[in-house]
N, C-alpha and C. Protein backbone atom coordinates (compact mmCIF):
# COMPACT_ATOMS: atom_id res chain seq x y z
N MET A 1 -14.17 7.10 11.05
CA MET A 1 -12.78 7.22 10.89
C MET A 1 -12.37 8.53 11.33
N ARG A 2 -11.14 8.55 12.07
CA ARG A 2 -10.64 9.81 12.40
C ARG A 2 -9.79 10.29 11.32
N GLY A 3 -9.63 11.65 11.26
CA GLY A 3 -8.80 12.24 10.31
C GLY A 3 -9.76 12.84 9.18
N THR A 4 -9.35 14.06 8.81
CA THR A 4 -10.16 14.58 7.62
C THR A 4 -9.77 14.00 6.36
N PRO A 5 -10.64 14.18 5.33
CA PRO A 5 -10.34 13.73 4.01
C PRO A 5 -9.01 14.42 3.45
N GLU A 6 -8.81 15.65 3.82
CA GLU A 6 -7.55 16.26 3.43
C GLU A 6 -6.21 15.71 4.10
N GLN A 7 -6.48 15.30 5.41
CA GLN A 7 -5.23 14.58 6.00
C GLN A 7 -4.93 13.31 5.45
N ILE A 8 -6.05 12.57 5.16
CA ILE A 8 -5.84 11.18 4.64
C ILE A 8 -5.20 11.39 3.15
N ASN A 9 -5.69 12.17 2.33
CA ASN A 9 -5.15 12.40 1.04
C ASN A 9 -3.77 12.91 1.01
N GLU A 10 -3.36 13.66 2.09
CA GLU A 10 -1.94 14.13 2.19
C GLU A 10 -1.06 12.96 2.54
N ILE A 11 -1.54 12.02 3.34
CA ILE A 11 -0.73 10.91 3.69
C ILE A 11 -0.71 9.92 2.50
N LEU A 12 -1.78 9.71 1.75
CA LEU A 12 -1.77 8.95 0.54
C LEU A 12 -0.64 9.41 -0.40
N HIS A 13 -0.68 10.80 -0.54
CA HIS A 13 0.38 11.41 -1.42
C HIS A 13 1.73 11.10 -1.02
N LYS A 14 2.00 11.17 0.22
CA LYS A 14 3.31 10.92 0.79
C LYS A 14 3.68 9.38 0.50
N ILE A 15 2.75 8.40 0.67
CA ILE A 15 3.07 7.11 0.36
C ILE A 15 3.35 6.96 -1.14
N ASP A 16 2.55 7.63 -1.91
CA ASP A 16 2.75 7.46 -3.45
C ASP A 16 4.15 8.08 -3.69
N GLN A 17 4.63 9.18 -3.20
CA GLN A 17 5.90 9.72 -3.43
C GLN A 17 6.95 8.78 -2.97
N ALA A 18 6.84 8.19 -1.78
CA ALA A 18 7.83 7.31 -1.24
C ALA A 18 7.96 5.98 -2.14
N LEU A 19 6.92 5.56 -2.62
CA LEU A 19 7.01 4.39 -3.59
C LEU A 19 7.63 4.77 -4.89
N ASN A 20 7.29 5.92 -5.37
CA ASN A 20 8.10 6.28 -6.52
C ASN A 20 9.59 6.49 -6.32
N GLU A 21 9.94 6.92 -5.12
CA GLU A 21 11.40 7.14 -4.84
C GLU A 21 12.03 5.74 -4.79
N LEU A 22 11.27 4.79 -4.07
CA LEU A 22 11.76 3.39 -3.90
C LEU A 22 11.87 2.80 -5.28
N VAL A 23 11.05 2.92 -6.17
CA VAL A 23 11.10 2.39 -7.53
C VAL A 23 12.34 2.97 -8.42
N ALA A 24 12.52 4.36 -8.13
CA ALA A 24 13.57 4.97 -8.87
C ALA A 24 15.01 4.54 -8.43
N LEU A 25 14.99 4.19 -7.08
CA LEU A 25 16.35 3.58 -6.62
C LEU A 25 16.66 2.36 -7.25
N ARG A 26 15.63 1.66 -7.63
CA ARG A 26 15.89 0.11 -8.09
C ARG A 26 16.07 0.22 -9.66
N MET A 27 15.83 1.31 -10.31
CA MET A 27 15.89 1.48 -11.74
C MET A 27 17.38 1.77 -12.13
N ASP A 28 17.91 1.27 -13.22
CA ASP A 28 19.13 1.57 -13.81
C ASP A 28 19.20 2.72 -14.61
N GLU A 29 17.99 3.04 -15.24
CA GLU A 29 18.00 4.21 -16.06
C GLU A 29 16.46 4.60 -16.28
N GLY A 30 16.25 5.77 -16.76
CA GLY A 30 14.90 6.25 -16.97
C GLY A 30 14.19 6.88 -15.80
N ALA A 31 12.91 7.30 -15.99
CA ALA A 31 12.36 7.96 -14.82
C ALA A 31 10.99 7.17 -14.71
N PRO A 32 10.91 6.18 -13.75
CA PRO A 32 9.78 5.50 -13.60
C PRO A 32 8.62 6.27 -13.03
N PHE A 33 7.43 5.81 -13.18
CA PHE A 33 6.28 6.44 -12.42
C PHE A 33 5.38 5.17 -12.07
N MET A 34 4.66 5.32 -10.98
CA MET A 34 3.85 4.33 -10.45
C MET A 34 2.58 4.28 -11.29
N VAL A 35 2.28 2.99 -11.71
CA VAL A 35 1.17 2.77 -12.52
C VAL A 35 0.03 2.37 -11.62
N ALA A 36 0.19 1.53 -10.52
CA ALA A 36 -0.83 1.25 -9.55
C ALA A 36 -0.05 0.80 -8.24
N TRP A 37 -0.74 1.02 -7.19
CA TRP A 37 0.05 0.47 -5.97
C TRP A 37 -1.25 0.12 -4.93
N ALA A 38 -0.92 -0.81 -3.92
CA ALA A 38 -1.94 -0.97 -2.94
C ALA A 38 -1.21 -1.53 -1.79
N MET A 39 -1.58 -1.23 -0.62
CA MET A 39 -0.87 -1.61 0.61
C MET A 39 -1.76 -2.13 1.61
N ALA A 40 -1.39 -3.25 2.10
CA ALA A 40 -2.13 -3.99 3.26
C ALA A 40 -1.26 -3.76 4.50
N TYR A 41 -1.98 -3.68 5.58
CA TYR A 41 -1.27 -3.36 6.83
C TYR A 41 -2.05 -4.12 8.05
N GLU A 42 -1.30 -4.45 9.00
CA GLU A 42 -1.84 -5.17 10.23
C GLU A 42 -1.42 -4.31 11.38
N PHE A 43 -2.25 -4.15 12.35
CA PHE A 43 -1.92 -3.35 13.53
C PHE A 43 -2.59 -3.82 14.83
N THR A 44 -2.09 -3.38 15.86
CA THR A 44 -2.71 -3.76 17.16
C THR A 44 -2.65 -2.56 18.17
N ASP A 45 -3.25 -2.58 19.32
CA ASP A 45 -3.10 -1.63 20.25
C ASP A 45 -3.08 -2.40 21.71
N ALA A 46 -3.07 -1.73 22.73
CA ALA A 46 -2.99 -2.32 24.05
C ALA A 46 -4.18 -3.15 24.35
N SER A 47 -5.37 -2.73 23.95
CA SER A 47 -6.52 -3.53 24.35
C SER A 47 -6.63 -4.74 23.46
N LEU A 48 -6.38 -4.56 22.17
CA LEU A 48 -6.35 -5.72 21.22
C LEU A 48 -5.27 -6.68 21.53
N GLU A 49 -4.15 -6.21 21.92
CA GLU A 49 -3.01 -7.07 22.30
C GLU A 49 -3.27 -7.95 23.53
N SER A 50 -3.96 -7.39 24.47
CA SER A 50 -4.43 -8.05 25.73
C SER A 50 -5.34 -9.25 25.44
N GLU A 51 -6.06 -9.21 24.17
CA GLU A 51 -6.83 -10.32 23.74
C GLU A 51 -6.23 -11.08 22.58
N ALA A 52 -4.90 -10.76 22.37
CA ALA A 52 -4.15 -11.52 21.28
C ALA A 52 -4.88 -11.33 19.98
N ASN A 53 -5.31 -10.11 19.76
CA ASN A 53 -6.09 -9.78 18.40
C ASN A 53 -5.25 -8.69 17.76
N THR A 54 -5.47 -8.58 16.48
CA THR A 54 -5.04 -7.52 15.57
C THR A 54 -6.17 -6.96 14.72
N MET A 55 -5.81 -5.94 14.06
CA MET A 55 -6.81 -5.35 13.08
C MET A 55 -6.00 -5.16 11.75
N ASP A 56 -6.61 -5.03 10.56
CA ASP A 56 -5.98 -4.89 9.45
C ASP A 56 -6.69 -3.87 8.55
N GLY A 57 -5.99 -3.34 7.46
CA GLY A 57 -6.73 -2.49 6.57
C GLY A 57 -5.91 -2.59 5.20
N VAL A 58 -6.49 -1.84 4.32
CA VAL A 58 -5.95 -1.72 2.94
C VAL A 58 -5.99 -0.27 2.55
N ILE A 59 -4.85 0.22 1.90
CA ILE A 59 -4.83 1.51 1.32
C ILE A 59 -4.51 1.49 -0.14
N VAL A 60 -5.41 2.29 -0.96
CA VAL A 60 -4.97 2.44 -2.41
C VAL A 60 -5.30 3.92 -2.65
N PRO A 61 -4.64 4.39 -3.80
CA PRO A 61 -5.02 5.73 -4.18
C PRO A 61 -6.35 5.96 -4.49
N PRO A 62 -6.85 7.10 -4.07
CA PRO A 62 -8.32 7.46 -4.29
C PRO A 62 -8.84 7.35 -5.69
N ASN A 63 -7.95 7.55 -6.77
CA ASN A 63 -8.48 7.53 -8.11
C ASN A 63 -8.19 6.20 -8.79
N GLN A 64 -7.57 5.26 -8.11
CA GLN A 64 -7.29 4.03 -8.68
C GLN A 64 -8.46 2.98 -8.82
N SER A 65 -8.63 2.40 -9.96
CA SER A 65 -9.80 1.49 -10.12
C SER A 65 -9.64 0.31 -9.15
N ARG A 66 -10.80 -0.32 -8.89
CA ARG A 66 -10.79 -1.39 -7.94
C ARG A 66 -10.04 -2.63 -8.69
N SER A 67 -10.23 -2.79 -10.03
CA SER A 67 -9.51 -3.87 -10.72
C SER A 67 -7.91 -3.71 -10.65
N ALA A 68 -7.57 -2.38 -10.84
CA ALA A 68 -6.02 -2.29 -10.78
C ALA A 68 -5.56 -2.53 -9.36
N SER A 69 -6.24 -2.21 -8.30
CA SER A 69 -5.94 -2.42 -6.95
C SER A 69 -5.84 -3.98 -6.65
N ARG A 70 -6.89 -4.72 -7.02
CA ARG A 70 -6.92 -6.06 -6.95
C ARG A 70 -5.83 -6.77 -7.80
N GLY A 71 -5.49 -6.29 -8.85
CA GLY A 71 -4.41 -6.76 -9.79
C GLY A 71 -3.15 -6.63 -9.01
N VAL A 72 -2.79 -5.58 -8.43
CA VAL A 72 -1.59 -5.37 -7.75
C VAL A 72 -1.44 -6.24 -6.46
N PHE A 73 -2.53 -6.60 -5.81
CA PHE A 73 -2.38 -7.57 -4.79
C PHE A 73 -2.24 -8.97 -5.29
N GLU A 74 -2.91 -9.28 -6.38
CA GLU A 74 -2.65 -10.61 -7.00
C GLU A 74 -1.09 -10.63 -7.41
N LEU A 75 -0.56 -9.65 -7.92
CA LEU A 75 0.96 -9.56 -8.33
C LEU A 75 1.71 -9.78 -7.04
N GLY A 76 1.43 -9.31 -5.94
CA GLY A 76 2.00 -9.41 -4.74
C GLY A 76 1.99 -10.97 -4.27
N LEU A 77 0.76 -11.50 -4.33
CA LEU A 77 0.61 -12.92 -4.08
C LEU A 77 1.60 -13.74 -4.91
N ASP A 78 1.58 -13.49 -6.18
CA ASP A 78 2.53 -14.25 -7.13
C ASP A 78 4.05 -14.17 -6.61
N HIS A 79 4.42 -13.01 -6.03
CA HIS A 79 5.88 -12.89 -5.60
C HIS A 79 6.11 -13.89 -4.40
N PHE A 80 5.07 -14.16 -3.59
CA PHE A 80 5.23 -15.00 -2.41
C PHE A 80 4.92 -16.48 -2.71
N THR A 81 4.40 -16.77 -3.92
CA THR A 81 4.09 -18.19 -4.16
C THR A 81 4.89 -18.75 -5.35
N ARG A 82 5.78 -18.10 -5.80
CA ARG A 82 6.62 -18.68 -6.78
C ARG A 82 7.44 -19.89 -6.35
N THR A 83 7.59 -20.81 -7.15
CA THR A 83 8.36 -22.00 -6.72
C THR A 83 9.70 -22.05 -7.49
N SER A 84 10.04 -21.18 -8.35
CA SER A 84 11.27 -21.19 -9.06
C SER A 84 12.18 -20.25 -8.60
């Protein structure tokens, strides 16, 4: 993996801050704080694109439990599979 642990932690911190700001914009009152978050992403580059391929990854805060991360992904799935 390219990048130092410090660089990766700095980016994770920026993502955490951005998510907290997004949640705060959606709140009518109070000061929300992030309980858990997880992010999945898909990407490609020129060589992958030429083969019609992509890669993917997952990002979670370094101190977040595996069960909390999995639970957040399950919650995301629920949002996309609701029928009502």
